[in-house]
Amino acid sequence: MCNLETEGTKYGCGTRKLKKIDCANQYCFNSMYHPRNCPDCHCDRYFGPDARETITLHTPEYCTSCQYWFQGGAQHRR
């Protein structure tokens, strides 16, 4: 099962900068060793717990990617 290293600002939406640590297992969907044409794929699809988390700043604000969806125009009916 692959893991993530997270580093940087932790936003109110939970977004952080990520780096993947590859487990090199062909049965892990997130690994670069998993075949693209895996027939009837029942392989592991989820990441394991964070291998390391370094938070340099906490902020209640949303990141720029999430601002539109959670605080911006996407909330309004058209």
N, C-alpha and C. Protein backbone atom coordinates (compact mmCIF):
# COMPACT_ATOMS: atom_id res chain seq x y z
N MET A 1 0.84 -1.16 0.00
CA MET A 1 0.00 0.00 0.00
C MET A 1 0.89 1.23 0.00
N CYS A 2 0.67 2.13 -0.93
CA CYS A 2 1.45 3.35 -1.03
C CYS A 2 1.10 4.29 0.12
N ASN A 3 2.04 5.17 0.43
CA ASN A 3 1.84 6.16 1.48
C ASN A 3 2.13 7.54 0.93
N LEU A 4 1.75 8.55 1.70
CA LEU A 4 2.00 9.93 1.31
C LEU A 4 2.86 10.63 2.36
N GLU A 5 3.69 11.55 1.89
CA GLU A 5 4.37 12.49 2.77
C GLU A 5 3.70 13.83 2.53
N THR A 6 3.26 14.49 3.57
CA THR A 6 2.61 15.78 3.42
C THR A 6 3.47 16.85 4.04
N GLU A 7 3.50 18.01 3.38
CA GLU A 7 4.33 19.10 3.87
C GLU A 7 3.72 20.42 3.42
N GLY A 8 3.78 21.43 4.30
CA GLY A 8 3.35 22.77 3.93
C GLY A 8 2.19 23.25 4.75
N THR A 9 1.43 24.16 4.17
CA THR A 9 0.29 24.79 4.84
C THR A 9 -0.89 23.84 4.87
N LYS A 10 -1.50 23.70 6.04
CA LYS A 10 -2.73 22.90 6.15
C LYS A 10 -3.89 23.89 6.16
N TYR A 11 -4.70 23.83 5.11
CA TYR A 11 -5.81 24.75 4.95
C TYR A 11 -7.06 24.23 5.65
N GLY A 12 -8.04 25.09 5.81
CA GLY A 12 -9.30 24.73 6.44
C GLY A 12 -10.04 23.63 5.70
N CYS A 13 -9.77 23.48 4.41
CA CYS A 13 -10.42 22.44 3.61
C CYS A 13 -9.68 21.11 3.71
N GLY A 14 -8.50 21.11 4.37
CA GLY A 14 -7.73 19.89 4.54
C GLY A 14 -6.67 19.65 3.48
N THR A 15 -6.59 20.53 2.49
CA THR A 15 -5.62 20.37 1.41
C THR A 15 -4.21 20.61 1.92
N ARG A 16 -3.29 19.74 1.47
CA ARG A 16 -1.87 19.86 1.81
C ARG A 16 -1.04 19.49 0.59
N LYS A 17 0.21 19.86 0.58
CA LYS A 17 1.12 19.46 -0.49
C LYS A 17 1.50 18.01 -0.27
N LEU A 18 1.46 17.20 -1.34
CA LEU A 18 1.64 15.76 -1.19
C LEU A 18 2.83 15.24 -2.01
N LYS A 19 3.46 14.19 -1.50
CA LYS A 19 4.48 13.43 -2.21
C LYS A 19 4.17 11.96 -1.99
N LYS A 20 4.08 11.19 -3.06
CA LYS A 20 3.73 9.77 -2.95
C LYS A 20 4.98 8.93 -2.72
N ILE A 21 4.89 7.97 -1.81
CA ILE A 21 5.93 6.97 -1.61
C ILE A 21 5.39 5.67 -2.20
N ASP A 22 6.01 5.23 -3.28
CA ASP A 22 5.54 4.05 -4.01
C ASP A 22 5.93 2.77 -3.28
N CYS A 23 4.97 1.86 -3.10
CA CYS A 23 5.23 0.59 -2.41
C CYS A 23 5.79 -0.47 -3.36
N ALA A 24 5.79 -0.20 -4.66
CA ALA A 24 6.32 -1.11 -5.68
C ALA A 24 5.61 -2.46 -5.70
N ASN A 25 4.30 -2.44 -5.42
CA ASN A 25 3.51 -3.67 -5.40
C ASN A 25 2.57 -3.66 -6.61
N GLN A 26 2.58 -4.71 -7.39
CA GLN A 26 1.72 -4.77 -8.57
C GLN A 26 0.24 -4.87 -8.24
N TYR A 27 -0.09 -5.18 -6.99
CA TYR A 27 -1.50 -5.29 -6.58
C TYR A 27 -2.00 -4.01 -5.90
N CYS A 28 -1.20 -2.96 -5.93
CA CYS A 28 -1.60 -1.65 -5.39
C CYS A 28 -1.94 -0.74 -6.56
N PHE A 29 -3.17 -0.26 -6.63
CA PHE A 29 -3.66 0.56 -7.73
C PHE A 29 -2.85 1.84 -7.89
N ASN A 30 -2.32 2.40 -6.80
CA ASN A 30 -1.59 3.67 -6.84
C ASN A 30 -0.11 3.51 -7.18
N SER A 31 0.38 2.30 -7.26
CA SER A 31 1.79 2.06 -7.54
C SER A 31 2.07 2.16 -9.04
N MET A 32 3.29 2.60 -9.37
CA MET A 32 3.66 2.64 -10.79
C MET A 32 3.85 1.24 -11.36
N TYR A 33 3.93 0.23 -10.51
CA TYR A 33 4.09 -1.16 -10.94
C TYR A 33 2.75 -1.85 -11.21
N HIS A 34 1.64 -1.20 -10.91
CA HIS A 34 0.32 -1.77 -11.18
C HIS A 34 0.06 -1.71 -12.68
N PRO A 35 -0.32 -2.84 -13.30
CA PRO A 35 -0.56 -2.83 -14.75
C PRO A 35 -1.78 -1.96 -15.11
N ARG A 36 -1.66 -1.21 -16.20
CA ARG A 36 -2.75 -0.33 -16.63
C ARG A 36 -3.97 -1.12 -17.08
N ASN A 37 -3.77 -2.29 -17.63
CA ASN A 37 -4.88 -3.10 -18.13
C ASN A 37 -5.18 -4.25 -17.18
N CYS A 38 -5.26 -3.96 -15.91
CA CYS A 38 -5.53 -4.98 -14.89
C CYS A 38 -6.97 -5.49 -15.07
N PRO A 39 -7.14 -6.76 -15.44
CA PRO A 39 -8.49 -7.28 -15.70
C PRO A 39 -9.29 -7.44 -14.40
N ASP A 40 -10.52 -6.93 -14.40
CA ASP A 40 -11.42 -7.06 -13.25
C ASP A 40 -10.70 -6.65 -11.95
N CYS A 41 -10.18 -5.45 -11.95
CA CYS A 41 -9.27 -4.95 -10.91
C CYS A 41 -9.93 -4.92 -9.51
N HIS A 42 -9.37 -5.70 -8.60
CA HIS A 42 -9.78 -5.70 -7.19
C HIS A 42 -8.59 -5.34 -6.31
N CYS A 43 -7.66 -4.60 -6.87
CA CYS A 43 -6.42 -4.25 -6.17
C CYS A 43 -6.67 -3.16 -5.12
N ASP A 44 -5.73 -3.02 -4.18
CA ASP A 44 -5.82 -1.97 -3.15
C ASP A 44 -5.88 -0.60 -3.82
N ARG A 45 -6.89 0.21 -3.47
CA ARG A 45 -7.06 1.52 -4.09
C ARG A 45 -6.76 2.68 -3.14
N TYR A 46 -6.56 2.41 -1.89
CA TYR A 46 -6.42 3.48 -0.91
C TYR A 46 -4.99 3.61 -0.44
N PHE A 47 -4.63 4.82 -0.05
CA PHE A 47 -3.31 5.07 0.51
C PHE A 47 -3.29 4.67 1.97
N GLY A 48 -2.11 4.27 2.45
CA GLY A 48 -1.92 3.97 3.86
C GLY A 48 -1.81 5.28 4.65
N PRO A 49 -1.55 5.19 5.94
CA PRO A 49 -1.42 6.40 6.75
C PRO A 49 -0.22 7.23 6.27
N ASP A 50 -0.26 8.52 6.55
CA ASP A 50 0.84 9.39 6.16
C ASP A 50 2.15 8.88 6.73
N ALA A 51 3.17 8.80 5.89
CA ALA A 51 4.49 8.38 6.34
C ALA A 51 5.12 9.49 7.18
N ARG A 52 4.85 10.72 6.79
CA ARG A 52 5.37 11.87 7.53
C ARG A 52 4.48 13.08 7.22
N GLU A 53 4.23 13.90 8.23
CA GLU A 53 3.43 15.10 8.04
C GLU A 53 4.18 16.27 8.68
N THR A 54 4.51 17.26 7.87
CA THR A 54 5.18 18.46 8.35
C THR A 54 4.29 19.64 8.02
N ILE A 55 3.70 20.26 9.03
CA ILE A 55 2.81 21.39 8.83
C ILE A 55 3.58 22.66 9.20
N THR A 56 3.73 23.55 8.22
CA THR A 56 4.46 24.79 8.47
C THR A 56 3.54 25.93 8.90
N LEU A 57 2.24 25.82 8.57
CA LEU A 57 1.28 26.87 8.91
C LEU A 57 -0.13 26.29 8.90
N HIS A 58 -0.93 26.61 9.91
CA HIS A 58 -2.36 26.27 9.95
C HIS A 58 -3.14 27.53 9.59
N THR A 59 -4.13 27.39 8.74
CA THR A 59 -4.99 28.52 8.41
C THR A 59 -6.43 28.03 8.23
N PRO A 60 -7.41 28.80 8.70
CA PRO A 60 -8.81 28.40 8.51
C PRO A 60 -9.31 28.67 7.09
N GLU A 61 -8.53 29.39 6.29
CA GLU A 61 -8.92 29.72 4.91
C GLU A 61 -8.90 28.46 4.04
N TYR A 62 -9.69 28.50 2.97
CA TYR A 62 -9.67 27.42 1.99
C TYR A 62 -8.55 27.68 0.98
N CYS A 63 -7.99 26.62 0.40
CA CYS A 63 -6.97 26.78 -0.64
C CYS A 63 -7.65 27.36 -1.89
N THR A 64 -6.83 27.83 -2.82
CA THR A 64 -7.39 28.47 -4.01
C THR A 64 -8.22 27.51 -4.86
N SER A 65 -7.90 26.24 -4.86
CA SER A 65 -8.67 25.26 -5.64
C SER A 65 -10.05 25.03 -5.04
N CYS A 66 -10.15 25.06 -3.72
CA CYS A 66 -11.42 24.76 -3.05
C CYS A 66 -12.30 25.99 -2.81
N GLN A 67 -11.74 27.19 -2.89
CA GLN A 67 -12.52 28.40 -2.62
C GLN A 67 -13.75 28.49 -3.52
N TYR A 68 -13.59 28.23 -4.79
CA TYR A 68 -14.72 28.31 -5.71
C TYR A 68 -15.80 27.31 -5.35
N TRP A 69 -15.42 26.08 -5.06
CA TRP A 69 -16.39 25.02 -4.84
C TRP A 69 -17.08 25.12 -3.49
N PHE A 70 -16.40 25.55 -2.46
CA PHE A 70 -16.98 25.55 -1.13
C PHE A 70 -17.38 26.92 -0.62
N GLN A 71 -16.82 27.98 -1.17
CA GLN A 71 -17.16 29.32 -0.68
C GLN A 71 -17.57 30.26 -1.81
N GLY A 72 -17.41 29.84 -3.04
CA GLY A 72 -17.62 30.75 -4.16
C GLY A 72 -18.90 30.50 -4.91
N GLY A 73 -18.82 30.68 -6.21
CA GLY A 73 -19.97 30.64 -7.09
C GLY A 73 -20.64 29.29 -7.24
N ALA A 74 -19.98 28.21 -6.92
CA ALA A 74 -20.59 26.90 -7.11
C ALA A 74 -21.72 26.64 -6.13
N GLN A 75 -21.76 27.39 -5.03
CA GLN A 75 -22.80 27.21 -4.03
C GLN A 75 -24.15 27.80 -4.45
N HIS A 76 -24.12 28.74 -5.37
CA HIS A 76 -25.34 29.45 -5.77
C HIS A 76 -26.09 28.70 -6.86
N ARG A 77 -27.40 28.70 -6.76
CA ARG A 77 -28.23 28.07 -7.80
C ARG A 77 -28.23 28.95 -9.03
N ARG A 78 -28.31 28.30 -10.15
CA ARG A 78 -28.32 29.05 -11.42
C ARG A 78 -29.67 29.03 -12.04
